[in-house]
């Protein structure tokens, strides 16, 4: 530990993002990026915003963007909070809402940034095991009080919890904040957003990195009752009053307004997910049902770590996690059909050679 670090810095175990290597002719299926690119209208708006006005600070409240998001989701602007990617929005959520007297609870297999934020902000937490099929059971969260955060669809499993189950959780935990992290929700059947109107303890967190292919622009947002949003704004304005630059705000607005491109891209990812699931199943993989832009799969006769390494040797990158319950799984991003065919051809060669 560096002698100039604070004790807090020394005690941290930072989040490890997916690898971004420089490998020629790489099939990159490890970080859940959208293979189809941003809306052309968003690109035009970003270029237009990269003008002399960059010498001026952006709108600290991102008013136009918040109004656009509010209109799209049929809520009011005071119910919308925006930030520099959903990871920053989540950081403000942890700081503003989740440090309470009772421990925060979340699944034992979920987005690995959650325990990192707990350590950063000194939040006591408990993990709740998923069942043997990697499903979340709402009943497991009803016996204890305190805040809850759930990724839905879950990451890295991809399994989605039905809205009726989320409503049961939010209704039963009305004394505590319930956060639903919907980073991947555009690739599944339903969102919890309709529940916000009747549940002041519910906050939905979204990103524009996945379904809108703006991972490099860094735009995330949250929707909830105005009281929750005010808490997030108080934290933001104590940390960074200008989280979104002019190009980010302009590009995000244009992306939301280009509904036809969004729908075309979203449906293409869903179709390719089915293509990938079928191909992996034919190769003997067990594939969890996914509502995301990735699949979580394992082969009964091969270690996940070995498969990931063998794929990398063939310039195909997937994500492997070393946590005990999921060490044999691979998380594979849904790419183009050509990329997925290269993946499955590589897997077929690996499995044949091993056999």
Protein backbone atom coordinates (compact mmCIF):
# COMPACT_ATOMS: atom_id res chain seq x y z
CA UNK A 1 0.00 0.00 0.00
CA UNK A 2 1.29 3.44 -0.91
CA UNK A 3 2.19 5.37 2.23
CA UNK A 4 0.26 8.42 1.02
CA UNK A 5 -3.02 6.57 0.58
CA UNK A 6 -5.88 7.00 3.01
CA UNK A 7 -6.96 3.91 4.93
CA UNK A 8 -10.16 3.89 2.84
CA UNK A 9 -8.18 3.70 -0.41
CA UNK A 10 -6.01 0.89 0.95
CA UNK A 11 -9.03 -1.14 2.06
CA UNK A 12 -10.76 -1.03 -1.33
CA UNK A 13 -11.00 -3.95 -3.77
CA UNK A 14 -11.88 -2.09 -6.97
CA UNK A 15 -14.24 -3.34 -9.66
CA UNK A 16 -12.44 -5.02 -12.56
CA UNK A 17 -13.99 -4.04 -15.91
CA UNK A 18 -13.99 -6.27 -18.96
CA UNK A 19 -10.76 -6.38 -20.92
CA UNK A 20 -10.28 -3.96 -23.82
CA UNK A 21 -7.32 -5.57 -25.63
CA UNK A 22 -5.61 -4.56 -28.86
CA UNK A 23 -5.72 -7.83 -30.81
CA UNK A 24 -5.98 -7.90 -34.59
CA UNK A 25 -9.10 -9.43 -36.13
CA UNK A 26 -10.62 -9.80 -32.66
CA UNK A 27 -14.15 -11.09 -32.03
CA UNK A 28 -14.93 -9.09 -28.91
CA UNK A 29 -17.81 -10.63 -26.96
CA UNK A 30 -16.77 -9.84 -23.37
CA UNK A 31 -18.21 -6.43 -22.41
CA UNK A 32 -21.82 -6.48 -23.66
CA UNK A 33 -21.33 -3.73 -26.21
CA UNK A 34 -23.96 -3.35 -28.91
CA UNK A 35 -22.67 -4.64 -32.28
CA UNK A 36 -24.90 -2.39 -34.38
CA UNK A 37 -23.64 1.05 -33.38
CA UNK A 38 -25.44 4.23 -32.31
CA UNK A 39 -28.31 5.91 -34.10
CA UNK A 40 -27.04 7.93 -37.11
CA UNK A 41 -29.08 10.84 -35.78
CA UNK A 42 -27.25 10.58 -32.48
CA UNK A 43 -23.92 10.69 -34.30
CA UNK A 44 -25.01 13.80 -36.20
CA UNK A 45 -26.06 15.49 -32.96
CA UNK A 46 -22.75 14.63 -31.26
CA UNK A 47 -20.76 16.08 -34.17
CA UNK A 48 -22.87 19.24 -34.17
CA UNK A 49 -22.33 19.68 -30.43
CA UNK A 50 -18.55 19.42 -30.84
CA UNK A 51 -18.38 23.10 -31.72
CA UNK A 52 -17.12 26.39 -30.29
CA UNK A 53 -19.73 26.09 -27.54
CA UNK A 54 -17.49 23.47 -25.88
CA UNK A 55 -15.73 26.43 -24.26
CA UNK A 56 -18.92 26.88 -22.21
CA UNK A 57 -20.04 24.67 -19.36
CA UNK A 58 -22.98 22.38 -20.15
CA UNK A 59 -26.37 22.68 -18.45
CA UNK A 60 -25.66 21.27 -14.96
CA UNK A 61 -29.24 19.98 -14.67
CA UNK A 62 -29.37 18.51 -18.21
CA UNK A 63 -32.87 19.93 -18.43
CA UNK A 64 -33.57 19.13 -22.10
CA UNK A 65 -32.32 15.59 -21.71
CA UNK A 66 -34.36 15.06 -18.56
CA UNK A 67 -37.45 16.41 -20.32
CA UNK A 68 -36.82 14.07 -23.27
CA UNK A 69 -36.42 11.05 -20.99
CA UNK A 70 -39.51 12.05 -19.01
CA UNK A 71 -41.65 12.38 -22.14
CA UNK A 72 -40.39 9.04 -23.47
CA UNK A 73 -41.29 7.23 -20.24
CA UNK A 74 -44.46 9.23 -19.52
CA UNK A 75 -43.21 10.74 -16.23
CA UNK A 76 -42.39 14.29 -15.16
CA UNK A 77 -38.87 15.79 -15.38
CA UNK A 78 -38.60 16.04 -11.59
CA UNK A 79 -38.75 12.22 -11.56
CA UNK A 80 -35.62 11.90 -13.74
CA UNK A 81 -31.96 11.99 -12.70
CA UNK A 82 -29.06 11.73 -15.17
CA UNK A 83 -25.39 10.95 -14.71
CA UNK A 84 -22.13 9.95 -16.34
CA UNK A 85 -23.15 6.39 -17.13
CA UNK A 86 -25.34 4.21 -14.93
CA UNK A 87 -22.29 3.31 -12.81
CA UNK A 88 -22.05 6.93 -11.63
CA UNK A 89 -25.83 7.04 -11.12
CA UNK A 90 -25.53 3.88 -9.01
CA UNK A 91 -22.71 5.43 -6.98
CA UNK A 92 -24.98 8.36 -6.13
CA UNK A 93 -27.79 5.91 -5.30
CA UNK A 94 -25.56 4.03 -2.86
CA UNK A 95 -24.42 7.27 -1.23
CA UNK A 96 -27.85 8.93 -1.09
CA UNK A 97 -30.23 6.06 -0.38
CA UNK A 98 -28.62 2.80 0.65
CA UNK A 99 -26.54 3.57 3.74
CA UNK A 100 -29.18 2.85 6.38
CA UNK A 101 -29.38 1.22 9.80
CA UNK A 102 -30.32 -2.13 8.27
CA UNK A 103 -27.97 -3.96 5.86
CA UNK A 104 -28.42 -3.57 2.13
CA UNK A 105 -29.34 -6.88 0.50
CA UNK A 106 -28.66 -8.14 -3.01
CA UNK A 107 -28.08 -11.54 -4.71
CA UNK A 108 -24.88 -13.49 -4.20
CA UNK A 109 -24.47 -13.70 -7.99
CA UNK A 110 -25.04 -10.27 -9.48
CA UNK A 111 -23.27 -7.14 -10.76
CA UNK A 112 -19.93 -7.11 -8.99
CA UNK A 113 -19.89 -3.32 -8.62
CA UNK A 114 -22.47 -3.58 -5.80
CA UNK A 115 -20.07 -4.89 -3.12
CA UNK A 116 -17.41 -2.46 -4.37
CA UNK A 117 -19.73 0.48 -3.71
CA UNK A 118 -20.59 -0.95 -0.29
CA UNK A 119 -16.90 -0.93 0.64
CA UNK A 120 -16.37 2.55 -0.82
CA UNK A 121 -19.28 4.10 1.08
CA UNK A 122 -19.05 1.99 4.24
CA UNK A 123 -22.42 0.29 3.68
CA UNK A 124 -23.19 -2.89 5.59
CA UNK A 125 -24.58 -5.51 3.23
CA UNK A 126 -25.75 -9.10 3.03
CA UNK A 127 -25.91 -11.33 -0.03
CA UNK A 128 -28.93 -13.54 -0.65
CA UNK A 129 -28.24 -16.78 -2.55
CA UNK A 130 -29.93 -17.40 -5.86
CA UNK A 131 -31.54 -20.84 -6.09
CA UNK A 132 -29.82 -23.77 -7.80
CA UNK A 133 -31.23 -22.70 -11.18
CA UNK A 134 -29.81 -19.17 -10.65
CA UNK A 135 -33.25 -17.65 -10.08
CA UNK A 136 -33.94 -14.88 -7.57
CA UNK A 137 -36.67 -15.72 -5.03
CA UNK A 138 -38.54 -12.69 -3.74
CA UNK A 139 -39.61 -14.58 -0.62
CA UNK A 140 -35.96 -14.64 0.48
CA UNK A 141 -36.07 -10.83 0.75
CA UNK A 142 -39.28 -10.50 2.75
CA UNK A 143 -38.16 -11.74 6.16
CA UNK A 144 -35.76 -8.83 6.80
CA UNK A 145 -36.17 -5.06 6.60
CA UNK A 146 -33.75 -2.70 4.92
CA UNK A 147 -32.94 -1.55 1.38
CA UNK A 148 -32.61 -3.89 -1.60
CA UNK A 149 -30.89 -3.59 -4.97
CA UNK A 150 -31.58 -6.03 -7.80
CA UNK A 151 -30.29 -6.09 -11.36
CA UNK A 152 -33.17 -7.10 -13.61
CA UNK A 153 -32.39 -8.87 -15.86
CA UNK A 154 -29.68 -10.05 -13.54
CA UNK A 155 -26.04 -9.84 -14.49
CA UNK A 156 -24.19 -12.00 -15.25
CA UNK A 157 -26.95 -14.64 -15.38
CA UNK A 158 -29.28 -12.74 -17.75
CA UNK A 159 -32.38 -14.12 -16.02
CA UNK A 160 -35.28 -11.66 -15.67
CA UNK A 161 -37.68 -11.43 -12.75
CA UNK A 162 -41.34 -10.87 -13.77
CA UNK A 163 -42.81 -7.47 -12.93
CA UNK A 164 -45.44 -9.04 -10.69
CA UNK A 165 -42.63 -10.36 -8.47
CA UNK A 166 -40.96 -6.96 -8.32
CA UNK A 167 -44.29 -5.43 -7.35
CA UNK A 168 -44.63 -7.98 -4.57
CA UNK A 169 -41.18 -7.05 -3.26
CA UNK A 170 -41.69 -3.28 -3.51
CA UNK A 171 -45.10 -3.49 -1.81
CA UNK A 172 -43.80 -5.65 1.02
CA UNK A 173 -40.76 -3.41 1.59
CA UNK A 174 -42.53 -0.05 1.53
CA UNK A 175 -40.43 1.21 4.47
CA UNK A 176 -37.17 0.84 2.51
CA UNK A 177 -35.73 1.90 -0.83
CA UNK A 178 -35.85 -0.76 -3.54
CA UNK A 179 -33.52 -0.19 -6.49
CA UNK A 180 -34.09 -2.05 -9.76
CA UNK A 181 -31.06 -1.82 -12.03
CA UNK A 182 -32.49 -2.19 -15.54
CA UNK A 183 -29.29 -1.94 -17.59
CA UNK A 184 -30.46 -4.73 -19.91
CA UNK A 185 -34.23 -4.38 -19.72
CA UNK A 186 -34.72 -3.33 -23.35
CA UNK A 187 -33.82 -6.87 -24.39
CA UNK A 188 -36.53 -8.56 -22.30
CA UNK A 189 -40.31 -8.54 -22.05
CA UNK A 190 -41.18 -6.01 -19.34
CA UNK A 191 -39.92 -3.17 -17.19
CA UNK A 192 -40.77 -2.19 -13.62
CA UNK A 193 -41.31 1.44 -14.67
CA UNK A 194 -45.14 1.24 -14.47
CA UNK A 195 -44.76 0.52 -10.75
CA UNK A 196 -43.04 3.82 -9.99
CA UNK A 197 -46.25 5.88 -9.91
CA UNK A 198 -47.68 3.96 -6.95
CA UNK A 199 -44.45 3.20 -5.06
CA UNK A 200 -42.43 6.14 -3.70
CA UNK A 201 -39.72 3.73 -2.47
CA UNK A 202 -38.95 2.38 -5.96
CA UNK A 203 -36.11 3.70 -8.10
CA UNK A 204 -35.31 2.42 -11.60
CA UNK A 205 -31.76 2.83 -12.96
CA UNK A 206 -31.10 2.69 -16.72
CA UNK A 207 -28.15 3.05 -19.08
CA UNK A 208 -27.82 4.18 -22.68
CA UNK A 209 -24.69 2.04 -23.14
CA UNK A 210 -26.35 -1.23 -24.11
CA UNK A 211 -29.53 -1.00 -26.16
CA UNK A 212 -28.67 2.44 -27.55
CA UNK A 213 -25.01 1.59 -28.29
CA UNK A 214 -23.63 4.67 -26.50
CA UNK A 215 -21.20 2.98 -24.11
CA UNK A 216 -18.46 5.43 -25.11
CA UNK A 217 -20.68 8.47 -24.45
CA UNK A 218 -21.38 7.58 -20.79
CA UNK A 219 -25.05 8.42 -20.14
CA UNK A 220 -27.19 6.82 -17.46
CA UNK A 221 -30.36 7.85 -15.68
CA UNK A 222 -32.75 7.01 -12.88
CA UNK A 223 -36.52 7.35 -12.57
CA UNK A 224 -38.42 7.56 -9.29
CA UNK A 225 -40.50 9.86 -7.13
CA UNK A 226 -39.21 13.41 -6.81
CA UNK A 227 -38.08 12.86 -3.21
CA UNK A 228 -35.66 10.11 -4.26
CA UNK A 229 -34.40 12.19 -7.18
CA UNK A 230 -33.76 15.15 -4.88
CA UNK A 231 -31.54 12.94 -2.70
CA UNK A 232 -29.49 11.91 -5.74
CA UNK A 233 -29.19 15.52 -6.89
CA UNK A 234 -27.89 16.59 -3.48
CA UNK A 235 -25.12 14.00 -3.76
CA UNK A 236 -24.33 14.92 -7.38
CA UNK A 237 -24.03 18.60 -6.60
CA UNK A 238 -21.69 17.76 -3.72
CA UNK A 239 -19.49 15.76 -6.09
CA UNK A 240 -19.70 17.04 -9.70
CA UNK A 241 -22.29 19.55 -10.86
CA UNK A 242 -21.52 18.94 -14.55
CA UNK A 243 -21.52 15.16 -15.11
CA UNK A 244 -22.70 15.25 -18.74
CA UNK A 245 -20.96 17.31 -21.40
CA UNK A 246 -22.71 19.01 -24.29
CA UNK A 247 -22.04 16.20 -26.84
CA UNK A 248 -23.31 13.58 -24.37
CA UNK A 249 -26.55 15.44 -23.74
CA UNK A 250 -27.12 16.13 -27.45
CA UNK A 251 -26.35 12.56 -28.50
CA UNK A 252 -28.57 11.04 -25.83
CA UNK A 253 -31.52 13.28 -26.80
CA UNK A 254 -31.17 12.39 -30.48
CA UNK A 255 -30.90 8.68 -29.69
CA UNK A 256 -34.11 8.71 -27.67
CA UNK A 257 -35.91 10.59 -30.43
CA UNK A 258 -34.83 8.04 -33.07
CA UNK A 259 -37.29 5.34 -32.03
CA UNK A 260 -37.27 3.46 -35.33
CA UNK A 261 -33.51 2.87 -35.24
CA UNK A 262 -33.66 1.86 -31.58
CA UNK A 263 -36.38 -0.70 -32.24
CA UNK A 264 -34.58 -2.11 -35.28
CA UNK A 265 -31.32 -2.52 -33.34
CA UNK A 266 -33.02 -3.96 -30.26
CA UNK A 267 -34.90 -6.60 -32.22
CA UNK A 268 -31.75 -7.55 -34.12
CA UNK A 269 -29.92 -8.23 -30.85
CA UNK A 270 -32.83 -10.36 -29.60
CA UNK A 271 -32.86 -12.36 -32.84
CA UNK A 272 -29.09 -12.90 -32.66
CA UNK A 273 -29.42 -13.98 -29.03
CA UNK A 274 -31.74 -16.78 -30.15
CA UNK A 275 -29.24 -17.71 -32.88
CA UNK A 276 -26.43 -17.88 -30.31
CA UNK A 277 -28.50 -19.87 -27.80
CA UNK A 278 -29.42 -22.45 -30.44
CA UNK A 279 -25.81 -22.80 -31.60
CA UNK A 280 -24.45 -23.25 -28.07
CA UNK A 281 -27.16 -25.77 -27.22
CA UNK A 282 -26.21 -27.83 -30.27
CA UNK A 283 -22.63 -27.84 -28.99
CA UNK A 284 -23.78 -29.32 -25.68
CA UNK A 285 -23.79 -26.15 -23.55
CA UNK A 286 -26.28 -25.50 -20.79
CA UNK A 287 -27.58 -21.98 -21.52
CA UNK A 288 -29.55 -20.00 -18.95
CA UNK A 289 -32.68 -18.22 -20.25
CA UNK A 290 -31.53 -14.69 -21.05
CA UNK A 291 -33.40 -11.40 -21.14
CA UNK A 292 -30.20 -9.45 -21.83
CA UNK A 293 -27.78 -8.84 -24.71
CA UNK A 294 -25.61 -11.72 -23.54
CA UNK A 295 -25.98 -15.36 -22.60
CA UNK A 296 -24.56 -17.23 -19.61
CA UNK A 297 -23.55 -20.75 -20.52
CA UNK A 298 -21.43 -23.68 -19.40
CA UNK A 299 -20.32 -26.95 -20.91
CA UNK A 300 -20.76 -29.99 -18.65
CA UNK A 301 -17.39 -31.44 -19.69
CA UNK A 302 -15.19 -28.36 -19.87
CA UNK A 303 -13.94 -25.85 -17.32
CA UNK A 304 -15.01 -22.29 -18.07
CA UNK A 305 -11.51 -20.91 -17.49
CA UNK A 306 -10.02 -23.36 -20.00
CA UNK A 307 -12.63 -22.58 -22.63
CA UNK A 308 -12.11 -18.83 -22.24
CA UNK A 309 -8.34 -19.25 -22.60
CA UNK A 310 -8.68 -21.47 -25.65
CA UNK A 311 -11.05 -18.98 -27.29
CA UNK A 312 -8.63 -16.14 -26.62
CA UNK A 313 -5.91 -18.08 -28.45
CA UNK A 314 -8.28 -17.97 -31.44
CA UNK A 315 -8.87 -14.19 -31.07
CA UNK A 316 -12.34 -14.65 -29.59
CA UNK A 317 -12.88 -12.86 -26.30
CA UNK A 318 -15.62 -13.79 -23.80
CA UNK A 319 -15.98 -13.04 -20.07
CA UNK A 320 -15.09 -15.59 -17.41
CA UNK A 321 -15.72 -15.08 -13.68
CA UNK A 322 -13.83 -16.97 -10.97
CA UNK A 323 -16.52 -16.83 -8.26
CA UNK A 324 -17.20 -20.37 -6.97
CA UNK A 325 -20.83 -20.75 -8.07
CA UNK A 326 -20.20 -19.53 -11.61
CA UNK A 327 -16.61 -20.50 -12.35
CA UNK A 328 -17.62 -22.89 -15.15
CA UNK A 329 -19.84 -20.33 -16.90
CA UNK A 330 -18.95 -18.04 -19.75
CA UNK A 331 -20.76 -14.75 -20.29
CA UNK A 332 -20.97 -14.22 -24.02
CA UNK A 333 -22.11 -10.93 -25.56
CA UNK A 334 -24.56 -11.11 -28.44
CA UNK A 335 -22.66 -9.89 -31.49
CA UNK A 336 -23.35 -9.93 -35.19
CA UNK A 337 -24.25 -13.24 -36.85
CA UNK A 338 -20.76 -13.33 -38.38
CA UNK A 339 -19.09 -12.84 -34.98
CA UNK A 340 -21.29 -15.48 -33.36
CA UNK A 341 -20.54 -17.95 -36.14
CA UNK A 342 -16.81 -17.41 -35.59
CA UNK A 343 -17.35 -18.01 -31.87
CA UNK A 344 -19.26 -21.25 -32.38
CA UNK A 345 -16.78 -22.48 -35.01
CA UNK A 346 -13.96 -21.86 -32.53
CA UNK A 347 -15.84 -23.64 -29.75
CA UNK A 348 -16.56 -26.58 -32.03
CA UNK A 349 -12.88 -26.90 -32.88
CA UNK A 350 -11.88 -26.65 -29.21
CA UNK A 351 -14.38 -29.27 -28.10
CA UNK A 352 -13.46 -31.61 -30.94
CA UNK A 353 -9.75 -31.29 -30.22
CA UNK A 354 -10.29 -31.97 -26.52
CA UNK A 355 -12.44 -34.99 -27.27
